[in-house]
Amino acid sequence: MSYFMGNGHHDAYAHYNYFAEKDVIPIIPLSGNSKNAYSEPARNGDIRLGEDGMPTCPGGMPMRCHGFDKKKNVNIFSSMG
């Protein structure tokens, strides 16, 4: 596995898709536009994010990363309780 470290200018879907195809883990801070889209407390549809960027359950408790679905290209989260 390889890593790529970039600046906020690399925070774009095209870059993330490219890195996923090449099995590269990107280390990229959010760009200014992303920070505005995910302000604290962040809300994306019915998904709430905590201050650390991790999703929270409807009850407000933090969730944990439970894996990654390569077929759907999504992280899977579950409650910690």
PDB file of N, CA and C in Angstrom:
ATOM      1  N   MET A   1       0.849  -1.175   0.000  1.00  0.00           N
ATOM      2  CA  MET A   1       0.000   0.000   0.000  1.00  0.00           C
ATOM      3  C   MET A   1       0.890   1.232   0.000  1.00  0.00           C
ATOM      4  N   SER A   2       0.513   2.229  -0.778  1.00  0.00           N
ATOM      5  CA  SER A   2       1.248   3.485  -0.856  1.00  0.00           C
ATOM      6  C   SER A   2       0.405   4.601  -0.254  1.00  0.00           C
ATOM      7  N   TYR A   3       1.047   5.704   0.046  1.00  0.00           N
ATOM      8  CA  TYR A   3       0.381   6.865   0.620  1.00  0.00           C
ATOM      9  C   TYR A   3       0.665   8.092  -0.239  1.00  0.00           C
ATOM     10  N   PHE A   4      -0.280   9.016  -0.243  1.00  0.00           N
ATOM     11  CA  PHE A   4      -0.094  10.298  -0.905  1.00  0.00           C
ATOM     12  C   PHE A   4      -0.445  11.391   0.089  1.00  0.00           C
ATOM     13  N   MET A   5       0.446  12.342   0.277  1.00  0.00           N
ATOM     14  CA  MET A   5       0.156  13.471   1.146  1.00  0.00           C
ATOM     15  C   MET A   5       0.051  14.713   0.280  1.00  0.00           C
ATOM     16  N   GLY A   6      -1.093  15.371   0.359  1.00  0.00           N
ATOM     17  CA  GLY A   6      -1.316  16.563  -0.445  1.00  0.00           C
ATOM     18  C   GLY A   6      -1.916  17.674   0.391  1.00  0.00           C
ATOM     19  N   ASN A   7      -2.172  18.804  -0.255  1.00  0.00           N
ATOM     20  CA  ASN A   7      -2.796  19.917   0.450  1.00  0.00           C
ATOM     21  C   ASN A   7      -4.281  19.966   0.101  1.00  0.00           C
ATOM     22  N   GLY A   8      -4.979  20.972   0.601  1.00  0.00           N
ATOM     23  CA  GLY A   8      -6.422  21.087   0.388  1.00  0.00           C
ATOM     24  C   GLY A   8      -6.843  21.166  -1.063  1.00  0.00           C
ATOM     25  N   HIS A   9      -5.931  21.528  -1.959  1.00  0.00           N
ATOM     26  CA  HIS A   9      -6.269  21.586  -3.385  1.00  0.00           C
ATOM     27  C   HIS A   9      -6.524  20.193  -3.961  1.00  0.00           C
ATOM     28  N   HIS A  10      -6.089  19.153  -3.258  1.00  0.00           N
ATOM     29  CA  HIS A  10      -6.312  17.780  -3.718  1.00  0.00           C
ATOM     30  C   HIS A  10      -7.617  17.198  -3.179  1.00  0.00           C
ATOM     31  N   ASP A  11      -8.378  17.975  -2.407  1.00  0.00           N
ATOM     32  CA  ASP A  11      -9.629  17.508  -1.817  1.00  0.00           C
ATOM     33  C   ASP A  11     -10.737  17.572  -2.869  1.00  0.00           C
ATOM     34  N   ALA A  12     -10.752  16.563  -3.756  1.00  0.00           N
ATOM     35  CA  ALA A  12     -11.749  16.489  -4.830  1.00  0.00           C
ATOM     36  C   ALA A  12     -12.034  15.029  -5.147  1.00  0.00           C
ATOM     37  N   TYR A  13     -13.274  14.736  -5.530  1.00  0.00           N
ATOM     38  CA  TYR A  13     -13.658  13.359  -5.829  1.00  0.00           C
ATOM     39  C   TYR A  13     -12.758  12.719  -6.882  1.00  0.00           C
ATOM     40  N   ALA A  14     -12.365  13.468  -7.891  1.00  0.00           N
ATOM     41  CA  ALA A  14     -11.522  12.897  -8.953  1.00  0.00           C
ATOM     42  C   ALA A  14     -10.218  12.351  -8.371  1.00  0.00           C
ATOM     43  N   HIS A  15      -9.623  13.095  -7.443  1.00  0.00           N
ATOM     44  CA  HIS A  15      -8.386  12.617  -6.824  1.00  0.00           C
ATOM     45  C   HIS A  15      -8.640  11.378  -5.990  1.00  0.00           C
ATOM     46  N   TYR A  16      -9.695  11.399  -5.167  1.00  0.00           N
ATOM     47  CA  TYR A  16      -9.988  10.242  -4.309  1.00  0.00           C
ATOM     48  C   TYR A  16     -10.285   8.998  -5.147  1.00  0.00           C
ATOM     49  N   ASN A  17     -11.012   9.160  -6.259  1.00  0.00           N
ATOM     50  CA  ASN A  17     -11.295   8.016  -7.130  1.00  0.00           C
ATOM     51  C   ASN A  17     -10.011   7.464  -7.747  1.00  0.00           C
ATOM     52  N   TYR A  18      -9.137   8.356  -8.171  1.00  0.00           N
ATOM     53  CA  TYR A  18      -7.861   7.925  -8.753  1.00  0.00           C
ATOM     54  C   TYR A  18      -7.039   7.145  -7.724  1.00  0.00           C
ATOM     55  N   PHE A  19      -6.934   7.695  -6.519  1.00  0.00           N
ATOM     56  CA  PHE A  19      -6.154   7.023  -5.477  1.00  0.00           C
ATOM     57  C   PHE A  19      -6.747   5.657  -5.135  1.00  0.00           C
ATOM     58  N   ALA A  20      -8.073   5.558  -5.113  1.00  0.00           N
ATOM     59  CA  ALA A  20      -8.723   4.278  -4.821  1.00  0.00           C
ATOM     60  C   ALA A  20      -8.387   3.242  -5.893  1.00  0.00           C
ATOM     61  N   GLU A  21      -8.375   3.656  -7.160  1.00  0.00           N
ATOM     62  CA  GLU A  21      -8.040   2.739  -8.253  1.00  0.00           C
ATOM     63  C   GLU A  21      -6.605   2.234  -8.149  1.00  0.00           C
ATOM     64  N   LYS A  22      -5.718   3.073  -7.636  1.00  0.00           N
ATOM     65  CA  LYS A  22      -4.295   2.729  -7.540  1.00  0.00           C
ATOM     66  C   LYS A  22      -3.916   2.149  -6.178  1.00  0.00           C
ATOM     67  N   ASP A  23      -4.921   1.902  -5.299  1.00  0.00           N
ATOM     68  CA  ASP A  23      -4.673   1.409  -3.934  1.00  0.00           C
ATOM     69  C   ASP A  23      -3.709   2.302  -3.171  1.00  0.00           C
ATOM     70  N   VAL A  24      -3.938   3.606  -3.279  1.00  0.00           N
ATOM     71  CA  VAL A  24      -3.133   4.608  -2.584  1.00  0.00           C
ATOM     72  C   VAL A  24      -4.004   5.241  -1.498  1.00  0.00           C
ATOM     73  N   ILE A  25      -3.471   5.391  -0.307  1.00  0.00           N
ATOM     74  CA  ILE A  25      -4.195   6.041   0.783  1.00  0.00           C
ATOM     75  C   ILE A  25      -3.845   7.525   0.774  1.00  0.00           C
ATOM     76  N   PRO A  26      -4.837   8.387   0.505  1.00  0.00           N
ATOM     77  CA  PRO A  26      -4.556   9.821   0.497  1.00  0.00           C
ATOM     78  C   PRO A  26      -4.610  10.415   1.904  1.00  0.00           C
ATOM     79  N   ILE A  27      -3.713  11.318   2.175  1.00  0.00           N
ATOM     80  CA  ILE A  27      -3.717  12.082   3.422  1.00  0.00           C
ATOM     81  C   ILE A  27      -3.834  13.531   2.998  1.00  0.00           C
ATOM     82  N   ILE A  28      -5.082  14.025   3.023  1.00  0.00           N
ATOM     83  CA  ILE A  28      -5.395  15.336   2.458  1.00  0.00           C
ATOM     84  C   ILE A  28      -6.295  16.092   3.435  1.00  0.00           C
ATOM     85  N   PRO A  29      -5.918  17.304   3.832  1.00  0.00           N
ATOM     86  CA  PRO A  29      -6.825  18.100   4.677  1.00  0.00           C
ATOM     87  C   PRO A  29      -8.012  18.579   3.851  1.00  0.00           C
ATOM     88  N   LEU A  30      -9.130  18.840   4.504  1.00  0.00           N
ATOM     89  CA  LEU A  30     -10.290  19.354   3.796  1.00  0.00           C
ATOM     90  C   LEU A  30      -9.997  20.732   3.244  1.00  0.00           C
ATOM     91  N   SER A  31     -10.490  20.997   2.048  1.00  0.00           N
ATOM     92  CA  SER A  31     -10.351  22.339   1.469  1.00  0.00           C
ATOM     93  C   SER A  31     -11.308  23.285   2.183  1.00  0.00           C
ATOM     94  N   GLY A  32     -11.161  24.560   1.941  1.00  0.00           N
ATOM     95  CA  GLY A  32     -12.046  25.544   2.548  1.00  0.00           C
ATOM     96  C   GLY A  32     -13.502  25.291   2.233  1.00  0.00           C
ATOM     97  N   ASN A  33     -13.808  24.880   0.997  1.00  0.00           N
ATOM     98  CA  ASN A  33     -15.191  24.594   0.617  1.00  0.00           C
ATOM     99  C   ASN A  33     -15.745  23.409   1.388  1.00  0.00           C
ATOM    100  N   SER A  34     -14.936  22.369   1.589  1.00  0.00           N
ATOM    101  CA  SER A  34     -15.386  21.198   2.339  1.00  0.00           C
ATOM    102  C   SER A  34     -15.614  21.549   3.796  1.00  0.00           C
ATOM    103  N   LYS A  35     -14.762  22.397   4.350  1.00  0.00           N
ATOM    104  CA  LYS A  35     -14.939  22.804   5.741  1.00  0.00           C
ATOM    105  C   LYS A  35     -16.267  23.519   5.921  1.00  0.00           C
ATOM    106  N   ASN A  36     -16.669  24.319   4.935  1.00  0.00           N
ATOM    107  CA  ASN A  36     -17.960  24.993   5.013  1.00  0.00           C
ATOM    108  C   ASN A  36     -19.104  23.988   4.904  1.00  0.00           C
ATOM    109  N   ALA A  37     -18.946  22.988   4.057  1.00  0.00           N
ATOM    110  CA  ALA A  37     -19.988  21.974   3.873  1.00  0.00           C
ATOM    111  C   ALA A  37     -20.123  21.089   5.101  1.00  0.00           C
ATOM    112  N   TYR A  38     -19.042  20.903   5.846  1.00  0.00           N
ATOM    113  CA  TYR A  38     -19.055  20.022   7.013  1.00  0.00           C
ATOM    114  C   TYR A  38     -18.738  20.795   8.279  1.00  0.00           C
ATOM    115  N   SER A  39     -19.402  21.932   8.466  1.00  0.00           N
ATOM    116  CA  SER A  39     -19.157  22.736   9.660  1.00  0.00           C
ATOM    117  C   SER A  39     -19.659  21.997  10.897  1.00  0.00           C
ATOM    118  N   GLU A  40     -19.224  22.404  12.056  1.00  0.00           N
ATOM    119  CA  GLU A  40     -19.574  21.729  13.307  1.00  0.00           C
ATOM    120  C   GLU A  40     -20.851  22.280  13.885  1.00  0.00           C
ATOM    121  N   PRO A  41     -21.794  21.491  14.372  1.00  0.00           N
ATOM    122  CA  PRO A  41     -21.817  20.066  14.105  1.00  0.00           C
ATOM    123  C   PRO A  41     -22.245  19.822  12.663  1.00  0.00           C
ATOM    124  N   ALA A  42     -21.502  19.023  11.995  1.00  0.00           N
ATOM    125  CA  ALA A  42     -21.763  18.787  10.576  1.00  0.00           C
ATOM    126  C   ALA A  42     -23.049  17.994  10.401  1.00  0.00           C
ATOM    127  N   ARG A  43     -23.693  18.207   9.287  1.00  0.00           N
ATOM    128  CA  ARG A  43     -24.904  17.464   8.970  1.00  0.00           C
ATOM    129  C   ARG A  43     -24.927  17.225   7.468  1.00  0.00           C
ATOM    130  N   ASN A  44     -25.100  15.970   7.097  1.00  0.00           N
ATOM    131  CA  ASN A  44     -25.172  15.581   5.695  1.00  0.00           C
ATOM    132  C   ASN A  44     -26.387  14.675   5.564  1.00  0.00           C
ATOM    133  N   GLY A  45     -27.521  15.224   5.207  1.00  0.00           N
ATOM    134  CA  GLY A  45     -28.745  14.431   5.172  1.00  0.00           C
ATOM    135  C   GLY A  45     -29.092  14.011   6.588  1.00  0.00           C
ATOM    136  N   ASP A  46     -29.220  12.715   6.834  1.00  0.00           N
ATOM    137  CA  ASP A  46     -29.531  12.212   8.158  1.00  0.00           C
ATOM    138  C   ASP A  46     -28.285  11.784   8.924  1.00  0.00           C
ATOM    139  N   ILE A  47     -27.108  12.058   8.382  1.00  0.00           N
ATOM    140  CA  ILE A  47     -25.857  11.653   9.034  1.00  0.00           C
ATOM    141  C   ILE A  47     -25.267  12.858   9.749  1.00  0.00           C
ATOM    142  N   ARG A  48     -25.089  12.731  11.051  1.00  0.00           N
ATOM    143  CA  ARG A  48     -24.453  13.793  11.829  1.00  0.00           C
ATOM    144  C   ARG A  48     -23.017  13.377  12.126  1.00  0.00           C
ATOM    145  N   LEU A  49     -22.116  14.352  12.057  1.00  0.00           N
ATOM    146  CA  LEU A  49     -20.712  14.104  12.361  1.00  0.00           C
ATOM    147  C   LEU A  49     -20.342  14.818  13.648  1.00  0.00           C
ATOM    148  N   GLY A  50     -19.509  14.158  14.467  1.00  0.00           N
ATOM    149  CA  GLY A  50     -19.006  14.777  15.671  1.00  0.00           C
ATOM    150  C   GLY A  50     -17.865  15.719  15.344  1.00  0.00           C
ATOM    151  N   GLU A  51     -17.331  16.365  16.379  1.00  0.00           N
ATOM    152  CA  GLU A  51     -16.242  17.316  16.172  1.00  0.00           C
ATOM    153  C   GLU A  51     -14.999  16.660  15.579  1.00  0.00           C
ATOM    154  N   ASP A  52     -14.833  15.354  15.806  1.00  0.00           N
ATOM    155  CA  ASP A  52     -13.674  14.648  15.260  1.00  0.00           C
ATOM    156  C   ASP A  52     -13.916  14.125  13.847  1.00  0.00           C
ATOM    157  N   GLY A  53     -15.108  14.396  13.277  1.00  0.00           N
ATOM    158  CA  GLY A  53     -15.427  13.963  11.924  1.00  0.00           C
ATOM    159  C   GLY A  53     -16.046  12.582  11.843  1.00  0.00           C
ATOM    160  N   MET A  54     -16.171  11.888  12.979  1.00  0.00           N
ATOM    161  CA  MET A  54     -16.773  10.553  12.987  1.00  0.00           C
ATOM    162  C   MET A  54     -18.291  10.693  13.062  1.00  0.00           C
ATOM    163  N   PRO A  55     -19.031   9.798  12.399  1.00  0.00           N
ATOM    164  CA  PRO A  55     -20.490   9.868  12.462  1.00  0.00           C
ATOM    165  C   PRO A  55     -21.000   9.536  13.861  1.00  0.00           C
ATOM    166  N   THR A  56     -22.161  10.083  14.171  1.00  0.00           N
ATOM    167  CA  THR A  56     -22.828   9.772  15.428  1.00  0.00           C
ATOM    168  C   THR A  56     -24.165   9.111  15.117  1.00  0.00           C
ATOM    169  N   CYS A  57     -24.632   8.276  16.022  1.00  0.00           N
ATOM    170  CA  CYS A  57     -25.923   7.609  15.845  1.00  0.00           C
ATOM    171  C   CYS A  57     -27.036   8.618  16.102  1.00  0.00           C
ATOM    172  N   PRO A  58     -28.289   8.276  15.797  1.00  0.00           N
ATOM    173  CA  PRO A  58     -29.393   9.210  16.035  1.00  0.00           C
ATOM    174  C   PRO A  58     -29.475   9.688  17.487  1.00  0.00           C
ATOM    175  N   GLY A  59     -28.970   8.883  18.438  1.00  0.00           N
ATOM    176  CA  GLY A  59     -28.979   9.269  19.840  1.00  0.00           C
ATOM    177  C   GLY A  59     -27.822  10.177  20.218  1.00  0.00           C
ATOM    178  N   GLY A  60     -26.937  10.494  19.249  1.00  0.00           N
ATOM    179  CA  GLY A  60     -25.816  11.390  19.505  1.00  0.00           C
ATOM    180  C   GLY A  60     -24.545  10.707  19.989  1.00  0.00           C
ATOM    181  N   MET A  61     -24.554   9.382  20.081  1.00  0.00           N
ATOM    182  CA  MET A  61     -23.366   8.653  20.529  1.00  0.00           C
ATOM    183  C   MET A  61     -22.416   8.420  19.347  1.00  0.00           C
ATOM    184  N   PRO A  62     -21.094   8.441  19.595  1.00  0.00           N
ATOM    185  CA  PRO A  62     -20.140   8.218  18.496  1.00  0.00           C
ATOM    186  C   PRO A  62     -20.227   6.801  17.958  1.00  0.00           C
ATOM    187  N   MET A  63     -19.926   6.670  16.679  1.00  0.00           N
ATOM    188  CA  MET A  63     -19.905   5.359  16.033  1.00  0.00           C
ATOM    189  C   MET A  63     -18.455   4.999  15.732  1.00  0.00           C
ATOM    190  N   ARG A  64     -18.211   3.725  15.396  1.00  0.00           N
ATOM    191  CA  ARG A  64     -16.856   3.283  15.084  1.00  0.00           C
ATOM    192  C   ARG A  64     -16.814   2.743  13.667  1.00  0.00           C
ATOM    193  N   CYS A  65     -15.636   2.854  13.078  1.00  0.00           N
ATOM    194  CA  CYS A  65     -15.459   2.312  11.733  1.00  0.00           C
ATOM    195  C   CYS A  65     -15.485   0.792  11.823  1.00  0.00           C
ATOM    196  N   HIS A  66     -16.358   0.170  11.048  1.00  0.00           N
ATOM    197  CA  HIS A  66     -16.549  -1.274  11.107  1.00  0.00           C
ATOM    198  C   HIS A  66     -16.037  -1.969   9.839  1.00  0.00           C
ATOM    199  N   GLY A  67     -15.424  -1.195   8.941  1.00  0.00           N
ATOM    200  CA  GLY A  67     -14.881  -1.794   7.734  1.00  0.00           C
ATOM    201  C   GLY A  67     -15.076  -0.900   6.525  1.00  0.00           C
ATOM    202  N   PHE A  68     -14.718  -1.441   5.372  1.00  0.00           N
ATOM    203  CA  PHE A  68     -14.819  -0.711   4.118  1.00  0.00           C
ATOM    204  C   PHE A  68     -15.371  -1.638   3.055  1.00  0.00           C
ATOM    205  N   ASP A  69     -16.373  -1.207   2.338  1.00  0.00           N
ATOM    206  CA  ASP A  69     -16.969  -1.980   1.259  1.00  0.00           C
ATOM    207  C   ASP A  69     -16.354  -1.494  -0.048  1.00  0.00           C
ATOM    208  N   LYS A  70     -15.382  -2.279  -0.575  1.00  0.00           N
ATOM    209  CA  LYS A  70     -14.684  -1.867  -1.804  1.00  0.00           C
ATOM    210  C   LYS A  70     -15.629  -1.816  -3.003  1.00  0.00           C
ATOM    211  N   LYS A  71     -16.616  -2.691  -3.022  1.00  0.00           N
ATOM    212  CA  LYS A  71     -17.548  -2.727  -4.145  1.00  0.00           C
ATOM    213  C   LYS A  71     -18.343  -1.424  -4.241  1.00  0.00           C
ATOM    214  N   LYS A  72     -18.784  -0.907  -3.088  1.00  0.00           N
ATOM    215  CA  LYS A  72     -19.561   0.332  -3.062  1.00  0.00           C
ATOM    216  C   LYS A  72     -18.693   1.558  -2.806  1.00  0.00           C
ATOM    217  N   ASN A  73     -17.417   1.335  -2.440  1.00  0.00           N
ATOM    218  CA  ASN A  73     -16.473   2.414  -2.149  1.00  0.00           C
ATOM    219  C   ASN A  73     -16.975   3.302  -0.998  1.00  0.00           C
ATOM    220  N   VAL A  74     -17.425   2.631   0.085  1.00  0.00           N
ATOM    221  CA  VAL A  74     -17.933   3.354   1.251  1.00  0.00           C
ATOM    222  C   VAL A  74     -17.382   2.740   2.539  1.00  0.00           C
ATOM    223  N   ASN A  75     -17.238   3.581   3.557  1.00  0.00           N
ATOM    224  CA  ASN A  75     -16.902   3.103   4.889  1.00  0.00           C
ATOM    225  C   ASN A  75     -18.171   2.611   5.563  1.00  0.00           C
ATOM    226  N   ILE A  76     -18.034   1.615   6.426  1.00  0.00           N
ATOM    227  CA  ILE A  76     -19.156   1.072   7.164  1.00  0.00           C
ATOM    228  C   ILE A  76     -18.956   1.402   8.633  1.00  0.00           C
ATOM    229  N   PHE A  77     -19.965   1.980   9.255  1.00  0.00           N
ATOM    230  CA  PHE A  77     -19.885   2.364  10.659  1.00  0.00           C
ATOM    231  C   PHE A  77     -20.957   1.624  11.452  1.00  0.00           C
ATOM    232  N   SER A  78     -20.662   1.367  12.726  1.00  0.00           N
ATOM    233  CA  SER A  78     -21.642   0.756  13.622  1.00  0.00           C
ATOM    234  C   SER A  78     -21.561   1.461  14.961  1.00  0.00           C
ATOM    235  N   SER A  79     -22.623   1.295  15.746  1.00  0.00           N
ATOM    236  CA  SER A  79     -22.634   1.947  17.052  1.00  0.00           C
ATOM    237  C   SER A  79     -21.637   1.262  17.975  1.00  0.00           C
ATOM    238  N   MET A  80     -21.179   2.009  18.956  1.00  0.00           N
ATOM    239  CA  MET A  80     -20.168   1.489  19.881  1.00  0.00           C
ATOM    240  C   MET A  80     -20.823   0.751  21.047  1.00  0.00           C
ATOM    241  N   GLY A  81     -22.119   0.833  21.164  1.00  0.00           N
ATOM    242  CA  GLY A  81     -22.790   0.231  22.314  1.00  0.00           C
ATOM    243  C   GLY A  81     -23.400  -1.096  22.032  1.00  0.00           C
TER     244      GLY A  81
END
